[in-house]
Amino acid sequence: MKRLIIIACFMCILLISVTSYGREYVVRKVIDGDTIQLENGDIVKYQGIDAPEIYVKDSGGEFFARESTRQNKKLVFLKKVRLEFDVEKKDNRGRLLAYVFVKNLFVNGELVKQGCAKAVVKPPNTKYKDLLLSNQKKAMEEERGIWQEKKKDTESSYIGNKRTYTLHRPSCKNVAKIPDKNKIIFRSRLDAIKIGFVPDKFCKP
């Protein structure tokens, strides 16, 4: 009986390993700095990072968006990639959420290191949080890529949600929905971004 349990546990570990690491896919299309399409048609959004948007309503795109897309293309286009998943495997748009590897290169981490994307903390998906934040810190210190843009604070303080790692302006309507225990005050937006907070898409701090 004990032997059967050990074999069953081994098979489970093997299955998880194959699901996370085993199969490789060729990248057929690079959509932007953090999104790709595989040969089987699946769309993959890179887990744990956020690259500048190429297409923004009433705008020509965010700062460094095209450069980030070009760098992503250089790293993965027509190459075999291996996907590794965290707790959540898909987003609300049906895209796969994955850490992407080309051989031993961690693509998500490389894009952050080069200043082509921000590190994003989105619990419960925190497997590579420390590595991504460390890469981001170095990119910020060296003013690489997106960190060349100097954005001035327009508020005297900002409010973060410690549960969702989202950053808001004090006047944002979403702030009222945050329980007091989950609120954190930042004196600058950069202080929040340094530790993985993401600006709210509604109030855009």
C-alpha atoms as a PDB file:
ATOM      1  CA  MET A   1       0.000   0.000   0.000  1.00  0.00           C
ATOM      2  CA  LYS A   2       2.783   2.361   0.969  1.00  0.00           C
ATOM      3  CA  ARG A   3       4.558   1.589  -2.303  1.00  0.00           C
ATOM      4  CA  LEU A   4       1.408   2.409  -4.299  1.00  0.00           C
ATOM      5  CA  ILE A   5       1.105   5.764  -2.543  1.00  0.00           C
ATOM      6  CA  ILE A   6       4.737   6.584  -3.349  1.00  0.00           C
ATOM      7  CA  ILE A   7       4.220   5.643  -7.017  1.00  0.00           C
ATOM      8  CA  ALA A   8       1.029   7.749  -7.182  1.00  0.00           C
ATOM      9  CA  CYS A   9       2.843  10.749  -5.692  1.00  0.00           C
ATOM     10  CA  PHE A  10       5.685  10.317  -8.186  1.00  0.00           C
ATOM     11  CA  MET A  11       3.258  10.205 -11.103  1.00  0.00           C
ATOM     12  CA  CYS A  12       1.545  13.396  -9.875  1.00  0.00           C
ATOM     13  CA  ILE A  13       4.888  15.196  -9.645  1.00  0.00           C
ATOM     14  CA  LEU A  14       5.812  13.939 -13.123  1.00  0.00           C
ATOM     15  CA  LEU A  15       2.490  15.126 -14.538  1.00  0.00           C
ATOM     16  CA  ILE A  16       2.923  18.588 -13.009  1.00  0.00           C
ATOM     17  CA  SER A  17       6.455  18.752 -14.375  1.00  0.00           C
ATOM     18  CA  VAL A  18       5.320  17.829 -17.886  1.00  0.00           C
ATOM     19  CA  THR A  19       2.456  20.356 -17.748  1.00  0.00           C
ATOM     20  CA  SER A  20       4.772  23.143 -16.626  1.00  0.00           C
ATOM     21  CA  TYR A  21       8.017  22.342 -18.365  1.00  0.00           C
ATOM     22  CA  GLY A  22       7.684  19.537 -20.901  1.00  0.00           C
ATOM     23  CA  ARG A  23       6.220  20.718 -24.174  1.00  0.00           C
ATOM     24  CA  GLU A  24       7.656  23.443 -26.349  1.00  0.00           C
ATOM     25  CA  TYR A  25       5.741  25.651 -28.774  1.00  0.00           C
ATOM     26  CA  VAL A  26       6.890  27.792 -31.671  1.00  0.00           C
ATOM     27  CA  VAL A  27       5.922  31.457 -31.428  1.00  0.00           C
ATOM     28  CA  ARG A  28       3.977  32.352 -34.555  1.00  0.00           C
ATOM     29  CA  LYS A  29       3.263  36.018 -33.780  1.00  0.00           C
ATOM     30  CA  VAL A  30       4.451  38.713 -31.377  1.00  0.00           C
ATOM     31  CA  ILE A  31       1.491  40.923 -30.510  1.00  0.00           C
ATOM     32  CA  ASP A  32       3.244  43.415 -28.234  1.00  0.00           C
ATOM     33  CA  GLY A  33       5.874  43.626 -25.515  1.00  0.00           C
ATOM     34  CA  ASP A  34       4.250  41.034 -23.271  1.00  0.00           C
ATOM     35  CA  THR A  35       1.862  39.057 -25.478  1.00  0.00           C
ATOM     36  CA  ILE A  36       2.468  36.360 -28.099  1.00  0.00           C
ATOM     37  CA  GLN A  37       0.566  33.828 -30.191  1.00  0.00           C
ATOM     38  CA  LEU A  38       1.691  30.223 -30.377  1.00  0.00           C
ATOM     39  CA  GLU A  39       1.647  27.892 -33.381  1.00  0.00           C
ATOM     40  CA  ASN A  40      -1.518  26.224 -32.010  1.00  0.00           C
ATOM     41  CA  GLY A  41      -3.343  29.577 -31.939  1.00  0.00           C
ATOM     42  CA  ASP A  42      -3.199  30.125 -28.169  1.00  0.00           C
ATOM     43  CA  ILE A  43      -2.576  33.688 -27.000  1.00  0.00           C
ATOM     44  CA  VAL A  44      -0.096  33.988 -24.125  1.00  0.00           C
ATOM     45  CA  LYS A  45       0.098  37.020 -21.829  1.00  0.00           C
ATOM     46  CA  TYR A  46       3.350  37.029 -19.880  1.00  0.00           C
ATOM     47  CA  GLN A  47       2.724  36.483 -16.181  1.00  0.00           C
ATOM     48  CA  GLY A  48       4.209  38.934 -13.663  1.00  0.00           C
ATOM     49  CA  ILE A  49       5.061  41.788 -16.034  1.00  0.00           C
ATOM     50  CA  ASP A  50       3.384  44.631 -17.905  1.00  0.00           C
ATOM     51  CA  ALA A  51       4.829  46.178 -21.068  1.00  0.00           C
ATOM     52  CA  PRO A  52       3.757  49.541 -22.533  1.00  0.00           C
ATOM     53  CA  GLU A  53       0.612  49.445 -24.663  1.00  0.00           C
ATOM     54  CA  ILE A  54       1.056  49.924 -28.415  1.00  0.00           C
ATOM     55  CA  TYR A  55      -2.566  50.827 -29.033  1.00  0.00           C
ATOM     56  CA  VAL A  56      -4.110  53.366 -26.680  1.00  0.00           C
ATOM     57  CA  LYS A  57      -7.390  55.146 -27.388  1.00  0.00           C
ATOM     58  CA  ASP A  58      -6.824  58.694 -28.686  1.00  0.00           C
ATOM     59  CA  SER A  59      -3.074  58.136 -28.477  1.00  0.00           C
ATOM     60  CA  GLY A  60      -0.197  56.844 -30.537  1.00  0.00           C
ATOM     61  CA  GLY A  61       0.709  54.342 -27.828  1.00  0.00           C
ATOM     62  CA  GLU A  62       2.615  54.483 -24.579  1.00  0.00           C
ATOM     63  CA  PHE A  63       6.251  55.468 -24.206  1.00  0.00           C
ATOM     64  CA  PHE A  64       8.696  52.750 -25.353  1.00  0.00           C
ATOM     65  CA  ALA A  65       5.892  50.441 -26.563  1.00  0.00           C
ATOM     66  CA  ARG A  66       7.323  49.776 -30.011  1.00  0.00           C
ATOM     67  CA  GLU A  67      10.821  49.237 -28.649  1.00  0.00           C
ATOM     68  CA  SER A  68       9.461  46.734 -26.115  1.00  0.00           C
ATOM     69  CA  THR A  69       7.614  44.873 -28.855  1.00  0.00           C
ATOM     70  CA  ARG A  70      10.737  44.725 -31.004  1.00  0.00           C
ATOM     71  CA  GLN A  71      12.773  43.344 -28.130  1.00  0.00           C
ATOM     72  CA  ASN A  72      10.150  40.716 -27.342  1.00  0.00           C
ATOM     73  CA  LYS A  73      10.157  39.712 -31.003  1.00  0.00           C
ATOM     74  CA  LYS A  74      13.936  39.426 -30.963  1.00  0.00           C
ATOM     75  CA  LEU A  75      13.749  37.093 -27.965  1.00  0.00           C
ATOM     76  CA  VAL A  76      10.942  34.742 -29.023  1.00  0.00           C
ATOM     77  CA  PHE A  77       9.712  35.075 -32.627  1.00  0.00           C
ATOM     78  CA  LEU A  78       9.789  31.754 -34.509  1.00  0.00           C
ATOM     79  CA  LYS A  79      11.628  30.206 -31.563  1.00  0.00           C
ATOM     80  CA  LYS A  80      10.576  27.311 -29.380  1.00  0.00           C
ATOM     81  CA  VAL A  81       9.290  28.464 -26.005  1.00  0.00           C
ATOM     82  CA  ARG A  82       8.462  26.553 -22.853  1.00  0.00           C
ATOM     83  CA  LEU A  83       5.605  27.730 -20.648  1.00  0.00           C
ATOM     84  CA  GLU A  84       5.503  27.620 -16.880  1.00  0.00           C
ATOM     85  CA  PHE A  85       2.294  28.438 -15.014  1.00  0.00           C
ATOM     86  CA  ASP A  86       1.471  29.934 -11.642  1.00  0.00           C
ATOM     87  CA  VAL A  87      -1.781  29.612  -9.664  1.00  0.00           C
ATOM     88  CA  GLU A  88      -3.971  31.310 -12.288  1.00  0.00           C
ATOM     89  CA  LYS A  89      -3.498  29.880 -15.766  1.00  0.00           C
ATOM     90  CA  LYS A  90      -5.834  32.190 -17.726  1.00  0.00           C
ATOM     91  CA  ASP A  91      -7.019  35.799 -17.522  1.00  0.00           C
ATOM     92  CA  ASN A  92     -10.580  37.074 -17.955  1.00  0.00           C
ATOM     93  CA  ARG A  93     -10.008  37.329 -21.710  1.00  0.00           C
ATOM     94  CA  GLY A  94      -9.155  33.650 -22.033  1.00  0.00           C
ATOM     95  CA  ARG A  95      -5.441  34.225 -22.632  1.00  0.00           C
ATOM     96  CA  LEU A  96      -2.887  31.891 -21.093  1.00  0.00           C
ATOM     97  CA  LEU A  97      -0.884  33.483 -18.278  1.00  0.00           C
ATOM     98  CA  ALA A  98       2.623  32.091 -18.306  1.00  0.00           C
ATOM     99  CA  TYR A  99       6.285  32.503 -17.513  1.00  0.00           C
ATOM    100  CA  VAL A 100       8.046  32.002 -20.834  1.00  0.00           C
ATOM    101  CA  PHE A 101      11.427  30.394 -21.392  1.00  0.00           C
ATOM    102  CA  VAL A 102      13.616  30.056 -24.492  1.00  0.00           C
ATOM    103  CA  LYS A 103      16.018  27.288 -23.474  1.00  0.00           C
ATOM    104  CA  ASN A 104      17.408  28.659 -20.194  1.00  0.00           C
ATOM    105  CA  LEU A 105      16.471  32.290 -20.835  1.00  0.00           C
ATOM    106  CA  PHE A 106      13.618  33.571 -18.666  1.00  0.00           C
ATOM    107  CA  VAL A 107      11.940  35.932 -21.137  1.00  0.00           C
ATOM    108  CA  ASN A 108       9.708  37.725 -18.611  1.00  0.00           C
ATOM    109  CA  GLY A 109      12.710  38.520 -16.436  1.00  0.00           C
ATOM    110  CA  GLU A 110      14.867  39.587 -19.371  1.00  0.00           C
ATOM    111  CA  LEU A 111      12.264  42.108 -20.571  1.00  0.00           C
ATOM    112  CA  VAL A 112      12.077  43.633 -17.097  1.00  0.00           C
ATOM    113  CA  LYS A 113      15.873  43.698 -16.815  1.00  0.00           C
ATOM    114  CA  GLN A 114      16.131  45.602 -20.099  1.00  0.00           C
ATOM    115  CA  GLY A 115      13.501  48.152 -19.076  1.00  0.00           C
ATOM    116  CA  CYS A 116      11.001  46.886 -21.627  1.00  0.00           C
ATOM    117  CA  ALA A 117       8.351  46.068 -19.003  1.00  0.00           C
ATOM    118  CA  LYS A 118       7.409  46.690 -15.392  1.00  0.00           C
ATOM    119  CA  ALA A 119       7.335  43.961 -12.773  1.00  0.00           C
ATOM    120  CA  VAL A 120       3.780  43.352 -11.596  1.00  0.00           C
ATOM    121  CA  VAL A 121       2.725  41.643  -8.385  1.00  0.00           C
ATOM    122  CA  LYS A 122      -0.685  39.975  -8.775  1.00  0.00           C
ATOM    123  CA  PRO A 123      -1.433  37.611  -5.892  1.00  0.00           C
ATOM    124  CA  PRO A 124      -1.697  34.658  -5.843  1.00  0.00           C
ATOM    125  CA  ASN A 125       0.710  34.557  -8.816  1.00  0.00           C
ATOM    126  CA  THR A 126       3.968  35.392  -7.049  1.00  0.00           C
ATOM    127  CA  LYS A 127       6.351  32.577  -8.002  1.00  0.00           C
ATOM    128  CA  TYR A 128       9.006  34.871  -9.515  1.00  0.00           C
ATOM    129  CA  LYS A 129       8.079  38.084  -7.683  1.00  0.00           C
ATOM    130  CA  ASP A 130      11.447  38.620  -5.985  1.00  0.00           C
ATOM    131  CA  LEU A 131      13.475  37.984  -9.139  1.00  0.00           C
ATOM    132  CA  LEU A 132      11.312  40.289 -11.263  1.00  0.00           C
ATOM    133  CA  LEU A 133      11.413  43.092  -8.682  1.00  0.00           C
ATOM    134  CA  SER A 134      15.196  42.706  -8.388  1.00  0.00           C
ATOM    135  CA  ASN A 135      15.557  42.986 -12.168  1.00  0.00           C
ATOM    136  CA  GLN A 136      13.304  46.035 -12.159  1.00  0.00           C
ATOM    137  CA  LYS A 137      15.308  47.760  -9.440  1.00  0.00           C
ATOM    138  CA  LYS A 138      18.463  47.428 -11.518  1.00  0.00           C
ATOM    139  CA  ALA A 139      16.744  48.684 -14.678  1.00  0.00           C
ATOM    140  CA  MET A 140      15.395  51.705 -12.783  1.00  0.00           C
ATOM    141  CA  GLU A 141      18.797  52.543 -11.327  1.00  0.00           C
ATOM    142  CA  GLU A 142      20.346  52.375 -14.794  1.00  0.00           C
ATOM    143  CA  GLU A 143      17.383  54.258 -16.350  1.00  0.00           C
ATOM    144  CA  ARG A 144      16.883  51.640 -19.017  1.00  0.00           C
ATOM    145  CA  GLY A 145      13.981  51.616 -21.448  1.00  0.00           C
ATOM    146  CA  ILE A 146      10.721  52.781 -19.908  1.00  0.00           C
ATOM    147  CA  TRP A 147      12.593  54.258 -16.958  1.00  0.00           C
ATOM    148  CA  GLN A 148      14.036  56.980 -19.188  1.00  0.00           C
ATOM    149  CA  GLU A 149      10.646  58.668 -19.036  1.00  0.00           C
ATOM    150  CA  LYS A 150      10.372  61.019 -16.080  1.00  0.00           C
ATOM    151  CA  LYS A 151       6.786  61.228 -14.857  1.00  0.00           C
ATOM    152  CA  LYS A 152       6.027  63.865 -12.252  1.00  0.00           C
ATOM    153  CA  ASP A 153       3.648  63.196  -9.391  1.00  0.00           C
ATOM    154  CA  THR A 154       0.347  65.001  -9.787  1.00  0.00           C
ATOM    155  CA  GLU A 155      -0.918  64.107  -6.290  1.00  0.00           C
ATOM    156  CA  SER A 156       0.563  64.689  -2.845  1.00  0.00           C
ATOM    157  CA  SER A 157      -0.058  61.025  -2.062  1.00  0.00           C
ATOM    158  CA  TYR A 158      -1.463  57.843  -3.618  1.00  0.00           C
ATOM    159  CA  ILE A 159      -3.433  54.948  -2.186  1.00  0.00           C
ATOM    160  CA  GLY A 160      -2.571  51.332  -2.839  1.00  0.00           C
ATOM    161  CA  ASN A 161      -4.569  48.161  -2.323  1.00  0.00           C
ATOM    162  CA  LYS A 162      -2.316  45.637  -0.576  1.00  0.00           C
ATOM    163  CA  ARG A 163      -4.525  42.734  -1.668  1.00  0.00           C
ATOM    164  CA  THR A 164      -4.630  43.483  -5.412  1.00  0.00           C
ATOM    165  CA  TYR A 165      -1.432  45.567  -5.689  1.00  0.00           C
ATOM    166  CA  THR A 166      -3.344  48.309  -7.518  1.00  0.00           C
ATOM    167  CA  LEU A 167      -2.445  52.006  -7.142  1.00  0.00           C
ATOM    168  CA  HIS A 168      -5.075  54.779  -7.099  1.00  0.00           C
ATOM    169  CA  ARG A 169      -5.430  58.520  -6.891  1.00  0.00           C
ATOM    170  CA  PRO A 170      -7.048  59.571  -3.577  1.00  0.00           C
ATOM    171  CA  SER A 171     -10.099  60.833  -5.508  1.00  0.00           C
ATOM    172  CA  CYS A 172     -10.616  57.540  -7.381  1.00  0.00           C
ATOM    173  CA  LYS A 173     -14.058  55.995  -6.871  1.00  0.00           C
ATOM    174  CA  ASN A 174     -12.432  52.597  -6.392  1.00  0.00           C
ATOM    175  CA  VAL A 175     -10.673  53.746  -3.219  1.00  0.00           C
ATOM    176  CA  ALA A 176     -13.976  53.632  -1.318  1.00  0.00           C
ATOM    177  CA  LYS A 177     -14.164  49.890  -2.047  1.00  0.00           C
ATOM    178  CA  ILE A 178     -10.810  49.132  -0.398  1.00  0.00           C
ATOM    179  CA  PRO A 179     -11.065  47.909   3.237  1.00  0.00           C
ATOM    180  CA  ASP A 180      -8.954  50.010   5.611  1.00  0.00           C
ATOM    181  CA  LYS A 181      -6.774  47.003   6.452  1.00  0.00           C
ATOM    182  CA  ASN A 182      -5.772  46.728   2.781  1.00  0.00           C
ATOM    183  CA  LYS A 183      -4.943  50.412   2.243  1.00  0.00           C
ATOM    184  CA  ILE A 184      -1.383  51.676   2.033  1.00  0.00           C
ATOM    185  CA  ILE A 185      -0.319  55.288   1.439  1.00  0.00           C
ATOM    186  CA  PHE A 186       2.501  56.205  -0.938  1.00  0.00           C
ATOM    187  CA  ARG A 187       4.113  59.631  -1.208  1.00  0.00           C
ATOM    188  CA  SER A 188       4.989  59.061  -4.855  1.00  0.00           C
ATOM    189  CA  ARG A 189       3.739  56.756  -7.617  1.00  0.00           C
ATOM    190  CA  LEU A 190       7.298  55.543  -8.229  1.00  0.00           C
ATOM    191  CA  ASP A 191       7.582  54.229  -4.673  1.00  0.00           C
ATOM    192  CA  ALA A 192       4.559  52.023  -5.365  1.00  0.00           C
ATOM    193  CA  ILE A 193       5.710  50.866  -8.790  1.00  0.00           C
ATOM    194  CA  LYS A 194       9.107  49.890  -7.357  1.00  0.00           C
ATOM    195  CA  ILE A 195       7.479  47.157  -5.294  1.00  0.00           C
ATOM    196  CA  GLY A 196       5.128  45.878  -7.982  1.00  0.00           C
ATOM    197  CA  PHE A 197       1.978  48.027  -7.685  1.00  0.00           C
ATOM    198  CA  VAL A 198       0.108  48.663 -10.938  1.00  0.00           C
ATOM    199  CA  PRO A 199      -1.609  51.999 -11.706  1.00  0.00           C
ATOM    200  CA  ASP A 200      -5.396  51.648 -11.831  1.00  0.00           C
ATOM    201  CA  LYS A 201      -6.732  51.769 -15.391  1.00  0.00           C
ATOM    202  CA  PHE A 202      -9.688  53.962 -14.341  1.00  0.00           C
ATOM    203  CA  CYS A 203      -7.999  56.858 -12.497  1.00  0.00           C
ATOM    204  CA  LYS A 204      -4.555  56.430 -14.153  1.00  0.00           C
ATOM    205  CA  PRO A 205      -2.312  57.766 -11.364  1.00  0.00           C
END
